[in-house]
Amino acid sequence: MSQPVRTCLGCRQKADKSELLRLVWTPNGLVADVRQRELGRGAYLHFRAECLAQAARRRAVGRALRVEGVTAEDLERAARELIQPAAT
């Protein structure tokens, strides 16, 4: 059985969904959906700094999520949450 394919917003290359990071807009802002279970529209990126930078420069995440006002800082904060999860 094949995996669903998604396109990275940074490099625009297609990859299996399991190889990409899913980002979702929630009432708390942009969230990295590691388990890929959050409700709503998702935007996908490779786990690479180049893809993150390209997506931020082109403002691709906001367009993909159909949300106005997604900033590069939102994207960087979501990426930091992956590296250092917030204490709960």
Protein backbone atom coordinates (compact mmCIF):
# COMPACT_ATOMS: atom_id res chain seq x y z
CA MET A 1 0.00 0.00 0.00
CA SER A 2 1.46 3.37 -0.95
CA GLN A 3 1.67 6.42 1.29
CA PRO A 4 -0.24 9.65 0.54
CA VAL A 5 1.97 12.18 -1.26
CA ARG A 6 2.20 15.86 -0.30
CA THR A 7 4.24 18.81 -1.62
CA CYS A 8 6.79 20.64 0.54
CA LEU A 9 6.00 24.36 0.67
CA GLY A 10 9.70 25.21 0.72
CA CYS A 11 11.37 23.23 -2.05
CA ARG A 12 8.10 22.32 -3.84
CA GLN A 13 9.15 18.66 -4.16
CA LYS A 14 6.69 15.85 -3.61
CA ALA A 15 7.31 13.36 -0.81
CA ASP A 16 5.46 10.80 1.25
CA LYS A 17 3.28 12.42 3.89
CA SER A 18 5.23 10.61 6.63
CA GLU A 19 8.47 12.35 5.56
CA LEU A 20 7.05 15.86 5.98
CA LEU A 21 6.19 18.07 8.94
CA ARG A 22 2.55 19.11 9.07
CA LEU A 23 1.73 22.65 10.23
CA VAL A 24 -1.76 23.64 11.34
CA TRP A 25 -3.28 27.00 12.33
CA THR A 26 -5.07 26.80 15.70
CA PRO A 27 -6.60 29.45 17.97
CA ASN A 28 -3.17 29.51 19.70
CA GLY A 29 -1.35 30.20 16.42
CA LEU A 30 0.77 28.03 14.15
CA VAL A 31 1.45 24.56 15.55
CA ALA A 32 3.69 21.74 14.36
CA ASP A 33 1.36 18.73 14.17
CA VAL A 34 3.85 15.93 14.75
CA ARG A 35 1.20 13.22 15.15
CA GLN A 36 -0.71 14.57 12.13
CA ARG A 37 -4.01 14.40 14.02
CA GLU A 38 -5.00 18.08 14.49
CA LEU A 39 -8.19 19.19 12.82
CA GLY A 40 -8.08 21.62 9.95
CA ARG A 41 -6.09 22.40 6.86
CA GLY A 42 -2.45 21.38 6.96
CA ALA A 43 0.68 22.73 5.30
CA TYR A 44 3.67 20.46 4.80
CA LEU A 45 7.42 21.07 4.98
CA HIS A 46 10.55 18.94 4.95
CA PHE A 47 12.51 18.84 8.21
CA ARG A 48 15.22 21.08 6.69
CA ALA A 49 16.26 24.65 7.45
CA GLU A 50 16.38 25.49 3.72
CA CYS A 51 12.74 24.50 3.22
CA LEU A 52 11.68 26.48 6.29
CA ALA A 53 13.55 29.57 5.03
CA GLN A 54 12.11 29.31 1.51
CA ALA A 55 8.55 28.88 2.79
CA ALA A 56 8.96 31.88 5.12
CA ARG A 57 10.46 34.06 2.38
CA ARG A 58 7.64 33.27 -0.05
CA ARG A 59 4.94 33.47 2.67
CA ALA A 60 3.73 30.10 1.45
CA VAL A 61 2.42 28.82 4.79
CA GLY A 62 -0.25 31.50 5.19
CA ARG A 63 -1.47 30.96 1.64
CA ALA A 64 -1.55 27.18 2.03
CA LEU A 65 -3.49 27.42 5.30
CA ARG A 66 -5.71 30.18 3.89
CA VAL A 67 -4.93 32.36 6.92
CA GLU A 68 -3.81 35.97 6.81
CA GLY A 69 -1.06 37.23 9.06
CA VAL A 70 1.16 34.13 9.38
CA THR A 71 4.64 35.58 9.92
CA ALA A 72 8.12 34.16 9.65
CA GLU A 73 8.27 34.42 13.46
CA ASP A 74 5.22 32.13 13.73
CA LEU A 75 6.97 29.62 11.53
CA GLU A 76 10.21 29.81 13.51
CA ARG A 77 8.32 29.45 16.82
CA ALA A 78 6.55 26.31 15.57
CA ALA A 79 9.91 24.86 14.49
CA ARG A 80 11.45 25.68 17.89
CA GLU A 81 8.57 23.89 19.61
CA LEU A 82 9.64 20.74 17.75
CA ILE A 83 13.21 21.02 18.98
CA GLN A 84 12.37 22.13 22.53
CA PRO A 85 8.78 21.19 23.39
CA ALA A 86 7.12 23.56 25.86
CA ALA A 87 6.89 22.29 29.41
CA THR A 88 3.37 21.14 30.23
